[in-house]
Protein backbone atom coordinates (compact mmCIF):
# COMPACT_ATOMS: atom_id res chain seq x y z
CA PRO A 1 158.67 193.73 -39.40
CA HIS A 2 158.00 197.33 -38.22
CA ALA A 3 154.54 197.24 -39.79
CA ILE A 4 153.68 194.07 -37.90
CA GLU A 5 154.96 195.48 -34.62
CA VAL A 6 153.00 198.71 -35.15
CA LEU A 7 149.78 197.00 -36.21
CA ASN A 8 149.93 194.46 -33.37
CA ARG A 9 149.70 197.35 -30.90
CA PHE A 10 146.17 197.84 -32.24
CA ALA A 11 145.06 194.25 -31.61
CA GLY A 12 141.57 194.11 -30.15
CA ARG A 13 140.62 197.46 -31.67
CA ASN A 14 138.51 198.17 -34.72
CA VAL A 15 141.48 197.87 -37.10
CA HIS A 16 141.70 195.86 -40.31
CA ALA A 17 144.99 195.99 -42.23
CA LEU A 18 145.01 195.95 -46.02
CA PHE A 19 148.13 194.94 -47.92
CA VAL A 20 148.53 195.28 -51.66
CA GLY A 21 151.41 194.14 -53.84
CA GLY A 22 154.01 191.48 -53.49
CA LEU A 23 155.63 190.59 -50.20
CA ARG A 24 159.14 189.19 -49.93
CA ASP A 25 158.01 186.92 -47.10
CA ALA A 26 154.23 186.55 -46.88
CA SER A 27 154.64 184.21 -43.89
CA LEU A 28 155.39 187.31 -41.79
CA LEU A 29 151.66 188.08 -41.97
CA ASP A 30 151.10 185.01 -39.77
CA ARG A 31 152.48 187.10 -36.89
CA LEU A 32 149.76 189.76 -37.26
CA GLN A 33 147.30 189.98 -34.38
CA VAL A 34 144.81 192.17 -36.27
CA PRO A 35 142.53 191.01 -39.07
CA TYR A 36 144.02 191.66 -42.49
CA THR A 37 143.52 191.23 -46.20
CA HIS A 38 146.39 190.77 -48.63
CA THR A 39 145.29 191.34 -52.21
CA GLY A 40 148.58 190.64 -53.93
CA MET A 41 149.19 192.62 -57.08
CA LEU A 42 146.29 194.72 -58.34
CA PRO A 43 145.83 196.17 -61.81
CA PRO A 44 146.30 199.97 -61.85
CA SER A 45 142.58 200.42 -62.52
CA GLN A 46 141.77 198.94 -59.08
CA ILE A 47 144.31 200.84 -56.96
CA ALA A 48 142.01 203.82 -56.34
CA ASP A 49 139.24 201.46 -55.18
CA PHE A 50 141.70 199.90 -52.74
CA TYR A 51 142.52 203.26 -51.18
CA ARG A 52 138.87 204.35 -51.02
CA VAL A 53 138.10 201.65 -48.46
CA ALA A 54 141.04 202.70 -46.27
CA ASP A 55 141.28 205.59 -43.83
CA ILE A 56 145.03 205.60 -43.26
CA VAL A 57 148.04 204.65 -45.37
CA ILE A 58 151.22 203.72 -43.52
CA SER A 59 154.78 203.36 -44.68
CA THR A 60 157.30 201.82 -42.33
CA SER A 61 159.97 201.76 -45.04
CA HIS A 62 163.34 203.37 -44.47
CA TYR A 63 164.25 203.41 -48.15
CA GLU A 64 161.57 205.47 -49.87
CA THR A 65 162.91 208.24 -52.05
CA LEU A 66 159.46 209.30 -53.24
CA GLY A 67 156.64 207.40 -51.57
CA ASN A 68 154.21 206.77 -54.40
CA THR A 69 152.10 204.74 -51.97
CA LEU A 70 151.85 207.77 -49.68
CA ILE A 71 150.94 210.08 -52.57
CA GLU A 72 148.34 207.63 -53.92
CA GLY A 73 146.82 207.26 -50.46
CA LEU A 74 146.82 211.01 -49.87
CA ALA A 75 145.19 211.61 -53.26
CA SER A 76 142.48 209.13 -52.27
CA GLY A 77 141.86 210.88 -48.96
CA CYS A 78 143.83 208.54 -46.70
CA VAL A 79 145.85 210.10 -43.90
CA PRO A 80 149.52 209.09 -44.37
CA VAL A 81 151.72 207.99 -41.46
CA ALA A 82 155.41 207.32 -42.07
CA PHE A 83 158.84 207.28 -40.51
CA ASP A 84 161.08 210.28 -41.12
CA ALA A 85 163.41 208.41 -43.43
CA GLY A 86 163.86 209.29 -47.08
CA GLY A 87 161.14 211.02 -49.05
CA PRO A 88 158.04 211.09 -46.80
CA ARG A 89 158.94 214.58 -45.52
CA ASP A 90 158.53 215.82 -49.12
CA ILE A 91 154.94 214.52 -49.07
CA ILE A 92 153.71 214.83 -45.50
CA GLU A 93 153.39 218.04 -43.51
CA HIS A 94 153.47 216.78 -39.92
CA LYS A 95 150.07 217.07 -38.24
CA VAL A 96 148.71 219.02 -41.24
CA ASN A 97 148.09 216.29 -43.81
CA GLY A 98 149.70 213.34 -42.05
CA TRP A 99 152.16 212.23 -39.40
CA ILE A 100 155.92 211.78 -39.55
CA ALA A 101 157.43 209.73 -36.74
CA PRO A 102 161.14 209.81 -35.92
CA ALA A 103 162.91 206.86 -37.56
CA ASP A 104 162.34 203.63 -35.63
CA ASP A 105 160.17 205.29 -32.96
CA ILE A 106 157.37 202.72 -32.87
CA ALA A 107 155.53 204.47 -30.01
CA ASP A 108 155.43 207.77 -31.93
CA PHE A 109 154.36 205.97 -35.10
CA CYS A 110 151.44 204.49 -33.14
CA ARG A 111 150.57 207.98 -31.83
CA GLY A 112 150.49 209.01 -35.49
CA ILE A 113 148.00 206.28 -36.29
CA GLU A 114 145.85 207.37 -33.33
CA TRP A 115 145.99 210.96 -34.61
CA ALA A 116 145.17 209.81 -38.15
CA MET A 117 142.12 207.89 -36.90
CA GLU A 118 140.74 211.14 -35.51
CA GLN A 119 141.38 212.95 -38.81
CA SER A 120 139.45 210.62 -41.08
CA THR A 121 136.19 212.43 -41.88
CA PRO A 122 134.58 212.89 -45.31
CA GLU A 123 135.47 216.61 -45.28
CA LYS A 124 139.09 215.96 -44.38
CA ARG A 125 139.35 213.19 -46.97
CA GLU A 126 138.27 215.68 -49.65
CA ALA A 127 140.76 218.25 -48.35
CA LEU A 128 143.57 215.65 -48.48
CA HIS A 129 142.62 214.81 -52.06
CA ARG A 130 142.66 218.49 -53.06
CA SER A 131 146.02 219.07 -51.37
CA ALA A 132 147.58 216.08 -53.13
CA SER A 133 146.22 217.25 -56.50
CA ALA A 134 147.56 220.75 -55.92
CA ARG A 135 151.06 219.44 -55.18
CA PHE A 136 151.46 216.23 -57.18
CA ASP A 137 149.21 216.42 -60.24
CA ALA A 138 151.20 215.67 -63.42
CA ALA A 139 150.48 219.14 -64.87
CA VAL A 140 151.69 220.81 -61.65
CA ILE A 141 154.91 218.79 -61.67
CA ALA A 142 155.46 219.49 -65.38
CA ARG A 143 155.10 223.26 -64.79
CA GLN A 144 157.58 223.08 -61.90
CA ILE A 145 160.13 221.27 -64.05
CA LEU A 146 159.65 223.61 -67.02
CA SER A 147 160.04 226.64 -64.78
CA GLN A 148 163.52 225.45 -63.80
CA ILE A 149 164.77 225.16 -67.38
CA PRO A 150 166.86 228.22 -68.30
CA ARG A 151 165.39 230.19 -71.18
CA PRO A 152 167.72 231.60 -73.87
């Protein structure tokens, strides 16, 4: 419901929402006042293509422990916008590589989307991709984990 409320504030603007994956209640999309596409589940090989056509990735969830959607979007050059609830703070540096809105602050979340719209340039997309690779690449994570294992 937060996503619909947020997106409806952009009705009449050049906004098209993309939804991927399963939805508990797809009828909620009937309340959207912006054009949208819901792909349903996509095979992993098509996920990167999905993100490449987007400029921003949003997460209105309050239960993310590690937002894979945010990391995938960031790695594809999408500017992430999320509520400050759970793991997004581990992924997003506020106003550096994305926007973190206080939990349930719809107005601030919308300001984040406005900010993200201004950030979406080819150069910034490449910088977002590089920053995500530097922090979340499997080899980087493996080195971090191995460095924490005590050596005899």
